[in-house]
Protein backbone atom coordinates (compact mmCIF):
# COMPACT_ATOMS: atom_id res chain seq x y z
CA MET A 1 -10.39 -75.53 41.29
CA SER A 2 -11.97 -72.38 39.88
CA ILE A 3 -14.41 -70.24 41.84
CA GLU A 4 -17.20 -71.16 39.42
CA THR A 5 -16.50 -74.88 39.78
CA SER A 6 -16.41 -74.64 43.58
CA LEU A 7 -19.71 -72.74 43.57
CA ARG A 8 -21.41 -75.22 41.27
CA THR A 9 -20.18 -78.16 43.35
CA TYR A 10 -21.43 -76.55 46.56
CA LEU A 11 -24.79 -75.58 45.03
CA CYS A 12 -25.29 -79.12 43.72
CA GLU A 13 -24.62 -80.48 47.21
CA ILE A 14 -27.21 -78.25 48.90
CA SER A 15 -29.83 -78.18 46.16
CA LEU A 16 -32.90 -80.36 46.07
CA PHE A 17 -32.55 -80.18 42.28
CA PRO A 18 -28.84 -80.50 41.42
CA GLU A 19 -29.68 -80.98 37.75
CA LEU A 20 -30.92 -77.36 37.72
CA VAL A 21 -27.52 -76.17 38.91
CA ASP A 22 -25.87 -77.94 35.98
CA GLN A 23 -28.21 -76.17 33.55
CA LEU A 24 -27.60 -72.65 34.92
CA THR A 25 -25.52 -70.17 33.02
CA ILE A 26 -23.24 -67.99 35.11
CA GLN A 27 -25.70 -65.10 34.56
CA ASP A 28 -28.88 -66.92 35.68
CA SER A 29 -30.40 -65.84 38.97
CA LEU A 30 -29.86 -68.32 41.77
CA PHE A 31 -32.99 -66.96 43.47
CA THR A 32 -35.51 -66.98 40.64
CA SER A 33 -34.26 -70.41 39.57
CA GLY A 34 -35.10 -71.73 43.04
CA ILE A 35 -31.52 -72.76 43.84
CA LEU A 36 -31.17 -70.23 46.68
CA ASP A 37 -33.47 -68.60 49.21
CA SER A 38 -32.59 -66.29 52.10
CA LEU A 39 -31.42 -69.12 54.36
CA GLY A 40 -29.47 -70.62 51.48
CA LEU A 41 -27.75 -67.26 50.98
CA ILE A 42 -26.57 -67.25 54.59
CA ARG A 43 -25.23 -70.77 54.17
CA LEU A 44 -23.58 -69.77 50.90
CA ILE A 45 -21.81 -66.85 52.57
CA SER A 46 -20.52 -69.17 55.28
CA PHE A 47 -19.25 -71.57 52.61
CA LEU A 48 -17.54 -68.77 50.66
CA GLU A 49 -15.82 -67.44 53.76
CA GLY A 50 -14.42 -70.87 54.57
CA GLU A 51 -13.61 -71.98 51.05
CA PHE A 52 -11.90 -68.78 49.91
CA SER A 53 -10.60 -67.42 53.24
CA VAL A 54 -12.48 -64.14 52.97
CA THR A 55 -14.72 -62.24 55.33
CA ILE A 56 -17.96 -61.05 53.78
CA PRO A 57 -19.51 -58.19 55.76
CA LEU A 58 -23.30 -58.19 55.75
CA GLU A 59 -23.35 -54.70 54.26
CA ALA A 60 -21.48 -56.08 51.23
CA VAL A 61 -24.20 -58.61 50.46
CA SER A 62 -26.36 -57.33 47.62
CA ALA A 63 -28.64 -58.93 45.08
CA GLU A 64 -26.39 -57.66 42.31
CA GLN A 65 -23.29 -59.39 43.65
CA PHE A 66 -24.77 -62.56 45.10
CA SER A 67 -27.63 -63.52 42.79
CA THR A 68 -25.53 -65.11 40.04
CA ILE A 69 -22.48 -67.33 39.84
CA ALA A 70 -20.74 -64.60 37.82
CA GLY A 71 -21.47 -61.96 40.46
CA ILE A 72 -20.23 -64.14 43.29
CA ALA A 73 -17.06 -65.03 41.38
CA ARG A 74 -16.37 -61.33 40.66
CA TYR A 75 -16.82 -60.49 44.34
CA ILE A 76 -14.48 -63.27 45.51
CA GLU A 77 -11.87 -62.34 42.88
CA ALA A 78 -12.01 -58.70 44.02
CA ARG A 79 -11.57 -59.78 47.67
CA ASP A 80 -8.61 -62.03 46.92
CA GLY A 81 -5.52 -60.75 48.72
CA LYS A 82 -7.30 -57.95 50.57
CA ASP A 83 -6.87 -57.54 54.30
CA ASP A 84 -10.33 -58.26 55.66
CA ASN A 85 -9.67 -56.18 58.79
CA SER A 86 -9.10 -53.01 56.79
CA GLU A 87 -12.78 -52.35 56.11
């Protein structure tokens, strides 16, 4: 399953409005669309760490990287294969 598909599936599961998730482009903001809020972001990070076996340090969390499906996918792809203890 692709990163984008996993993200969409997860977001549909946690969203009060899963039909909105289906309508999002990968560049649409998850925050301004109402899909995510600050608590949702924390839950999303926990999901990503478990789903993709990565550690996401709090200092790495930025609006640029985590506000869109595309940004999240780029971050996870960049983390793939990296030793999480090396940072």
